[in-house]
Amino acid sequence: MLRVDRYLLGEMIKPLLGGVATFVVMISGHMLFNVVDQIVEHGVDTPSILTFVALQVPYACLLALPASALLASSLALNRLASENELTAMRAGGVGLGRVLWPALALGLVASLLAVGLAQFAVPWANHRSQSLLQRVVAQRPGLAFRPGKFTNTGAGLDFFAEQVDREQGVVNNLYIFQRPAYRETILLVARQARFSEHRLDIGPARFYAFAPGGSLTWGSNEGLHINLGQLQFLPGLTAKKLSDMSLTELLEERASRQQVDPAGGRAVTVELQFRLSLAFACLVFCVLALPATLGFARGQSLVGVLTTLVVVFVYYVIMLWLRMAAEAGHLPPFIAAWLENGILLAAALFALWRQR
């Protein structure tokens, strides 16, 4: 059977690599499309754009591995079933469970690779991509201003602009909130401000000072200048987020949060459990491939392969819904993360038992 195993694995490797490459291009392209208006239309250099896209590849691989493993197993098994090779193997005394071994091996390797990506490559790439965006914004502070959105500088200043014209370098209806510690909060309102290199020139403005005791002081000035180069926009990008942490760092973070609040580690637990469940979905999908393909193998039909791809799409949609439910506290993180894998694995094993 070792020769048959090598034969089946050989049939699966090429579709696996092709599937990963295809899904990575699609996912990375989608991520690039989401930020293209911010990084292309405003003069961001090409090396930074290419670096940003390259840093999305590890996460795209993590998302692509389950679908690619399922696609590779389905294509290989569909060809064997449609050409009656599986029938000949079963007539020779080879059970379906034995035929499934190469797919299980492929799924296990893909799952371990996904765990490695989640542990090392994805956190590193996420942190580097966020740092890259931080540097781009630091070089062009105007990119941090978005109409109708608050911009936090991390230095006690918050900006809110109703309109932003980056081509003209003009901000209309600007509100600046200053929140110094142990002092009054100041609101500055200006009709217009202009970008000048790393400086924001604010025209005539009115200010309102709210003292801790509740008193209000107001006045006006002829204008002022803010050195944007000294501000650190988007401070959350420099702090390590959960998505930037490795699996071991998530375990340490959960333990430290639970020491302060027993329920404080929910967000960390959700991130950890869903990252692991997504990795081991590769193994579950490879088990699912055989019964799904056999059900539609007659007539050299690819319906079984298409069915498995629909399952992947539905899987990701439900996974997002379950994650939101877990983050909101409606479901325990472990159940929300592993529920889909458990249902699919049980359905696959039952289907194999029916077709034995």
Protein backbone atom coordinates (compact mmCIF):
# COMPACT_ATOMS: atom_id res chain seq x y z
CA MET A 1 0.00 0.00 0.00
CA LEU A 2 2.95 2.37 0.34
CA ARG A 3 3.06 2.72 -3.44
CA VAL A 4 -0.65 3.57 -3.50
CA ASP A 5 -0.14 6.07 -0.69
CA ARG A 6 2.66 7.79 -2.58
CA TYR A 7 0.51 7.77 -5.71
CA LEU A 8 -2.41 9.41 -3.92
CA LEU A 9 -0.21 11.96 -2.21
CA GLY A 10 1.35 12.80 -5.56
CA GLU A 11 -2.13 13.44 -6.93
CA MET A 12 -2.86 15.80 -4.02
CA ILE A 13 0.34 17.84 -3.76
CA LYS A 14 -0.01 19.76 -7.03
CA PRO A 15 -3.64 20.83 -6.43
CA LEU A 16 -2.65 21.81 -2.87
CA LEU A 17 0.15 24.08 -4.02
CA GLY A 18 -1.97 25.48 -6.84
CA GLY A 19 -4.88 26.09 -4.50
CA VAL A 20 -2.71 27.87 -1.93
CA ALA A 21 -1.18 30.09 -4.63
CA THR A 22 -4.60 30.93 -6.08
CA PHE A 23 -6.24 31.71 -2.75
CA VAL A 24 -3.22 33.72 -1.56
CA VAL A 25 -3.39 35.92 -4.67
CA MET A 26 -7.14 36.43 -4.18
CA ILE A 27 -6.93 37.17 -0.45
CA SER A 28 -3.87 39.42 -0.74
CA GLY A 29 -5.50 41.26 -3.63
CA HIS A 30 -8.63 41.81 -1.55
CA MET A 31 -6.57 43.17 1.34
CA LEU A 32 -4.70 45.48 -1.01
CA PHE A 33 -7.97 46.68 -2.56
CA ASN A 34 -9.23 47.72 0.90
CA VAL A 35 -6.35 50.16 1.35
CA VAL A 36 -5.48 51.06 -2.23
CA ASP A 37 -7.18 54.45 -2.04
CA GLN A 38 -5.07 55.32 0.99
CA ILE A 39 -1.69 54.10 -0.25
CA VAL A 40 -1.81 54.71 -4.00
CA GLU A 41 -3.77 57.91 -4.48
CA HIS A 42 -1.66 59.76 -1.92
CA GLY A 43 1.83 59.14 -3.20
CA VAL A 44 2.95 56.13 -1.19
CA ASP A 45 6.11 54.71 -2.76
CA THR A 46 6.01 51.43 -4.68
CA PRO A 47 8.45 49.55 -2.38
CA SER A 48 6.19 50.22 0.60
CA ILE A 49 3.17 48.96 -1.34
CA LEU A 50 4.96 45.77 -2.40
CA THR A 51 6.25 45.22 1.14
CA PHE A 52 2.74 45.63 2.53
CA VAL A 53 1.36 43.07 0.06
CA ALA A 54 4.17 40.62 0.83
CA LEU A 55 3.46 40.91 4.56
CA GLN A 56 -0.13 39.81 3.94
CA VAL A 57 0.99 36.47 2.46
CA PRO A 58 1.42 34.53 5.76
CA TYR A 59 -2.10 35.38 6.92
CA ALA A 60 -3.47 34.65 3.45
CA CYS A 61 -1.74 31.25 3.55
CA LEU A 62 -3.32 30.53 6.92
CA LEU A 63 -6.78 31.25 5.50
CA ALA A 64 -6.04 29.41 2.26
CA LEU A 65 -4.66 26.16 3.70
CA PRO A 66 -8.00 24.60 4.80
CA ALA A 67 -9.71 25.32 1.47
CA SER A 68 -6.64 24.21 -0.49
CA ALA A 69 -6.31 20.95 1.45
CA LEU A 70 -9.98 20.21 0.82
CA LEU A 71 -9.66 21.10 -2.87
CA ALA A 72 -6.57 18.92 -3.32
CA SER A 73 -8.14 15.91 -1.60
CA SER A 74 -11.41 16.30 -3.49
CA LEU A 75 -9.76 16.56 -6.91
CA ALA A 76 -7.52 13.55 -6.34
CA LEU A 77 -10.27 11.35 -4.92
CA ASN A 78 -12.77 12.48 -7.55
CA ARG A 79 -10.43 11.39 -10.33
CA LEU A 80 -9.86 8.00 -8.72
CA ALA A 81 -13.58 7.49 -8.16
CA SER A 82 -14.66 8.65 -11.62
CA GLU A 83 -12.14 6.30 -13.28
CA ASN A 84 -13.27 3.39 -11.08
CA GLU A 85 -9.88 3.09 -9.43
CA LEU A 86 -11.47 3.31 -6.00
CA THR A 87 -13.89 0.56 -7.00
CA ALA A 88 -10.97 -1.66 -8.01
CA MET A 89 -9.16 -0.92 -4.75
CA ARG A 90 -12.24 -1.77 -2.70
CA ALA A 91 -12.76 -4.96 -4.71
CA GLY A 92 -9.19 -5.91 -3.79
CA GLY A 93 -10.03 -5.66 -0.11
CA VAL A 94 -8.94 -2.08 0.56
CA GLY A 95 -11.43 -0.31 2.80
CA LEU A 96 -12.40 3.33 2.61
CA GLY A 97 -10.61 4.01 5.85
CA ARG A 98 -7.33 2.84 4.31
CA VAL A 99 -7.92 4.93 1.21
CA LEU A 100 -8.37 7.93 3.47
CA TRP A 101 -4.89 7.65 5.00
CA PRO A 102 -3.08 9.80 2.39
CA ALA A 103 -5.73 12.51 2.76
CA LEU A 104 -5.33 12.33 6.53
CA ALA A 105 -1.57 12.65 6.17
CA LEU A 106 -2.02 15.67 3.90
CA GLY A 107 -4.51 17.24 6.31
CA LEU A 108 -2.22 16.65 9.30
CA VAL A 109 0.78 18.22 7.55
CA ALA A 110 -1.36 21.18 6.45
CA SER A 111 -2.69 21.61 10.00
CA LEU A 112 0.80 21.55 11.51
CA LEU A 113 1.95 24.04 8.89
CA ALA A 114 -1.01 26.27 9.77
CA VAL A 115 -0.09 26.05 13.47
CA GLY A 116 3.45 27.07 12.57
CA LEU A 117 2.14 30.03 10.61
CA ALA A 118 -0.12 31.04 13.50
CA GLN A 119 2.76 30.72 15.96
CA PHE A 120 5.54 32.45 14.07
CA ALA A 121 4.89 33.92 10.62
CA VAL A 122 1.45 35.56 10.98
CA PRO A 123 2.15 37.51 14.22
CA TRP A 124 5.51 38.70 12.87
CA ALA A 125 4.03 39.76 9.52
CA ASN A 126 1.04 41.49 11.15
CA HIS A 127 3.28 43.49 13.44
CA ARG A 128 5.61 44.45 10.60
CA SER A 129 2.72 45.52 8.35
CA GLN A 130 1.24 47.69 11.11
CA SER A 131 4.65 49.24 11.73
CA LEU A 132 4.92 49.92 7.99
CA LEU A 133 1.57 51.72 8.00
CA GLN A 134 2.76 53.68 11.03
CA ARG A 135 5.86 54.86 9.17
CA VAL A 136 3.84 55.81 6.09
CA VAL A 137 1.44 57.89 8.17
CA ALA A 138 4.36 59.46 10.05
CA GLN A 139 5.81 60.62 6.73
CA ARG A 140 2.41 61.87 5.51
CA PRO A 141 0.37 62.88 8.57
CA GLY A 142 -2.45 64.06 6.34
CA LEU A 143 -3.30 60.42 5.63
CA ALA A 144 -4.35 60.04 9.26
CA PHE A 145 -7.17 62.53 8.81
CA ARG A 146 -10.32 60.90 7.51
CA PRO A 147 -13.63 62.76 7.11
CA GLY A 148 -16.13 61.97 9.81
CA LYS A 149 -13.59 59.93 11.82
CA PHE A 150 -11.68 60.63 15.03
CA THR A 151 -7.90 60.62 14.78
CA ASN A 152 -6.08 59.79 18.01
CA THR A 153 -2.48 61.04 18.24
CA GLY A 154 -1.65 59.34 21.52
CA ALA A 155 -0.44 62.68 22.89
CA GLY A 156 -3.67 63.89 24.47
CA LEU A 157 -4.95 65.33 21.18
CA ASP A 158 -7.90 64.02 19.19
CA PHE A 159 -8.81 65.44 15.76
CA PHE A 160 -12.21 65.27 14.09
CA ALA A 161 -12.64 66.70 10.59
CA GLU A 162 -15.93 66.92 8.73
CA GLN A 163 -14.23 67.34 5.33
CA VAL A 164 -10.70 66.51 4.15
CA ASP A 165 -9.36 67.62 0.75
CA ARG A 166 -5.93 65.99 0.47
CA GLU A 167 -5.32 67.28 -3.05
CA GLN A 168 -5.62 70.87 -1.85
CA GLY A 169 -4.24 70.04 1.59
CA VAL A 170 -7.27 71.55 3.32
CA VAL A 171 -9.32 70.40 6.30
CA ASN A 172 -12.76 71.98 6.81
CA ASN A 173 -14.71 72.17 10.07
CA LEU A 174 -11.94 70.84 12.29
CA TYR A 175 -12.46 69.96 15.96
CA ILE A 176 -9.47 69.41 18.23
CA PHE A 177 -9.91 67.87 21.67
CA GLN A 178 -7.08 68.29 24.17
CA ARG A 179 -7.27 66.02 27.20
CA PRO A 180 -4.29 66.79 29.45
CA ALA A 181 -4.15 64.89 32.72
CA TYR A 182 -5.33 66.72 35.85
CA ARG A 183 -6.19 69.87 33.86
CA GLU A 184 -9.13 71.26 31.96
CA THR A 185 -10.26 69.72 28.70
CA ILE A 186 -10.03 72.09 25.74
CA LEU A 187 -12.11 72.00 22.58
CA LEU A 188 -10.79 74.00 19.63
CA VAL A 189 -13.12 74.65 16.68
CA ALA A 190 -11.81 75.99 13.36
CA ARG A 191 -13.54 76.44 10.03
CA GLN A 192 -10.44 75.59 8.06
CA ALA A 193 -6.88 74.35 8.42
CA ARG A 194 -4.12 73.67 5.90
CA PHE A 195 -1.31 71.13 5.73
CA SER A 196 2.16 72.54 5.28
CA GLU A 197 4.72 69.72 5.13
CA HIS A 198 4.60 68.30 8.70
CA ARG A 199 2.68 71.25 10.08
CA LEU A 200 -1.03 71.98 10.37
CA ASP A 201 -1.82 75.68 10.03
CA ILE A 202 -5.12 76.44 11.72
CA GLY A 203 -6.98 79.61 10.86
CA PRO A 204 -9.09 81.72 13.23
CA ALA A 205 -10.63 79.44 15.82
CA ARG A 206 -12.68 79.45 18.99
CA PHE A 207 -11.69 77.49 22.07
CA TYR A 208 -13.71 76.17 25.00
CA ALA A 209 -12.01 75.11 28.23
CA PHE A 210 -13.89 72.75 30.54
CA ALA A 211 -12.49 72.84 34.08
CA PRO A 212 -12.74 69.73 36.31
CA GLY A 213 -15.18 71.60 38.55
CA GLY A 214 -17.60 72.14 35.69
CA SER A 215 -16.86 75.79 34.84
CA LEU A 216 -16.56 76.80 31.19
CA THR A 217 -14.22 79.35 29.68
CA TRP A 218 -14.23 80.34 26.02
CA GLY A 219 -12.48 82.70 23.68
CA SER A 220 -10.94 83.00 20.22
CA ASN A 221 -7.55 83.38 18.56
CA GLU A 222 -6.21 84.41 15.21
CA GLY A 223 -4.71 81.01 14.47
CA LEU A 224 -2.09 78.55 15.59
CA HIS A 225 0.26 75.92 14.23
CA ILE A 226 0.57 72.25 15.24
CA ASN A 227 3.73 70.32 14.41
CA LEU A 228 2.34 67.01 13.15
CA GLY A 229 5.82 65.51 12.91
CA GLN A 230 6.03 65.41 16.70
CA LEU A 231 2.75 63.52 17.04
CA GLN A 232 2.46 59.75 16.89
CA PHE A 233 -0.68 59.00 14.93
CA LEU A 234 -2.48 55.68 15.23
CA PRO A 235 -0.72 54.68 18.47
CA GLY A 236 -2.55 51.36 18.50
CA LEU A 237 -0.41 50.26 15.55
CA THR A 238 2.77 50.36 17.62
CA ALA A 239 1.30 48.45 20.55
CA LYS A 240 1.21 44.71 20.15
CA LYS A 241 -2.36 43.58 19.49
CA LEU A 242 -3.75 40.09 19.95
CA SER A 243 -3.37 39.38 16.24
CA ASP A 244 0.33 40.25 16.56
CA MET A 245 0.93 37.70 19.30
CA SER A 246 2.15 34.14 18.89
CA LEU A 247 0.29 31.24 20.46
CA THR A 248 2.64 31.14 23.44
CA GLU A 249 2.31 34.89 23.91
CA LEU A 250 -1.47 34.54 23.87
CA LEU A 251 -1.26 31.93 26.64
CA GLU A 252 0.93 34.25 28.72
CA GLU A 253 -1.37 37.21 28.06
CA ARG A 254 -4.43 35.21 29.09
CA ALA A 255 -2.77 34.12 32.32
CA SER A 256 -1.74 37.69 33.19
CA ARG A 257 -5.22 39.07 32.51
CA GLN A 258 -6.94 36.34 34.50
CA GLN A 259 -4.81 37.20 37.52
CA VAL A 260 -6.41 40.64 37.55
CA ASP A 261 -9.92 39.59 36.47
CA PRO A 262 -11.01 35.94 36.10
CA ALA A 263 -13.17 36.93 33.14
CA GLY A 264 -10.61 39.31 31.66
CA GLY A 265 -9.03 36.79 29.36
CA ARG A 266 -12.08 36.18 27.15
CA ALA A 267 -10.77 38.15 24.17
CA VAL A 268 -7.43 36.36 24.37
CA THR A 269 -9.11 32.96 24.69
CA VAL A 270 -11.29 33.67 21.65
CA GLU A 271 -8.26 34.61 19.56
CA LEU A 272 -6.33 31.53 20.71
CA GLN A 273 -9.13 29.01 20.22
CA PHE A 274 -10.18 30.28 16.80
CA ARG A 275 -6.61 30.38 15.57
CA LEU A 276 -6.14 26.73 16.55
CA SER A 277 -9.51 25.60 15.21
CA LEU A 278 -8.81 27.23 11.85
CA ALA A 279 -5.48 25.41 11.66
CA PHE A 280 -6.99 21.98 12.38
CA ALA A 281 -9.83 22.60 9.95
CA CYS A 282 -7.35 21.35 7.32
CA LEU A 283 -7.50 17.88 8.85
CA VAL A 284 -11.28 17.96 9.19
CA PHE A 285 -11.74 19.05 5.58
CA CYS A 286 -9.51 16.26 4.30
CA VAL A 287 -11.68 13.72 6.14
CA LEU A 288 -14.77 15.34 4.66
CA ALA A 289 -13.39 15.19 1.11
CA LEU A 290 -13.79 11.42 0.65
CA PRO A 291 -17.50 10.98 1.50
CA ALA A 292 -18.44 14.25 -0.23
CA THR A 293 -16.63 13.22 -3.41
CA LEU A 294 -17.91 9.64 -3.44
CA GLY A 295 -21.47 10.87 -3.29
CA PHE A 296 -21.09 12.60 -6.68
CA ALA A 297 -18.38 10.52 -8.34
CA ARG A 298 -20.43 8.93 -11.09
CA GLY A 299 -20.16 10.29 -14.59
CA GLN A 300 -16.85 12.00 -13.89
CA SER A 301 -18.77 14.81 -12.24
CA LEU A 302 -17.05 17.62 -10.35
CA VAL A 303 -20.19 18.32 -8.33
CA GLY A 304 -18.54 16.77 -5.29
CA VAL A 305 -15.58 19.11 -5.59
CA LEU A 306 -17.84 22.13 -6.02
CA THR A 307 -19.92 20.99 -3.05
CA THR A 308 -16.86 20.89 -0.83
CA LEU A 309 -15.92 24.42 -1.90
CA VAL A 310 -19.40 25.62 -0.99
CA VAL A 311 -18.89 23.97 2.39
CA VAL A 312 -15.70 25.98 2.84
CA PHE A 313 -17.50 29.24 2.06
CA VAL A 314 -20.30 28.45 4.49
CA TYR A 315 -17.70 27.36 7.06
CA TYR A 316 -15.97 30.75 7.00
CA VAL A 317 -19.24 32.67 7.18
CA ILE A 318 -20.46 30.69 10.19
CA MET A 319 -17.01 30.93 11.77
CA LEU A 320 -17.22 34.74 11.69
CA TRP A 321 -20.69 34.63 13.23
CA LEU A 322 -19.55 32.24 15.97
CA ARG A 323 -16.54 34.41 16.71
CA MET A 324 -18.72 37.48 17.16
CA ALA A 325 -20.99 35.46 19.45
CA ALA A 326 -17.99 34.36 21.51
CA GLU A 327 -16.58 37.88 21.74
CA ALA A 328 -19.98 39.16 22.88
CA GLY A 329 -20.16 36.47 25.58
CA HIS A 330 -23.11 34.58 24.08
CA LEU A 331 -21.09 31.38 23.65
CA PRO A 332 -18.07 29.92 25.48
CA PRO A 333 -14.94 30.50 23.36
CA PHE A 334 -14.03 26.80 23.18
CA ILE A 335 -17.50 25.72 22.01
CA ALA A 336 -17.78 28.58 19.51
CA ALA A 337 -14.34 27.83 18.03
CA TRP A 338 -14.61 24.06 17.73
CA LEU A 339 -18.34 23.59 17.10
CA GLU A 340 -18.06 23.65 13.30
CA ASN A 341 -15.08 21.30 13.24
CA GLY A 342 -16.89 18.85 15.48
CA ILE A 343 -20.07 18.86 13.39
CA LEU A 344 -18.21 18.45 10.10
CA LEU A 345 -16.02 15.66 11.46
CA ALA A 346 -19.05 13.80 12.85
CA ALA A 347 -20.91 14.20 9.55
CA ALA A 348 -17.89 12.96 7.57
CA LEU A 349 -17.41 9.88 9.77
CA PHE A 350 -21.12 9.06 9.59
CA ALA A 351 -21.09 9.36 5.80
CA LEU A 352 -18.05 7.08 5.61
CA TRP A 353 -19.83 4.54 7.81
CA ARG A 354 -22.84 4.65 5.46
CA GLN A 355 -20.66 4.15 2.37
CA ARG A 356 -18.40 1.46 3.78
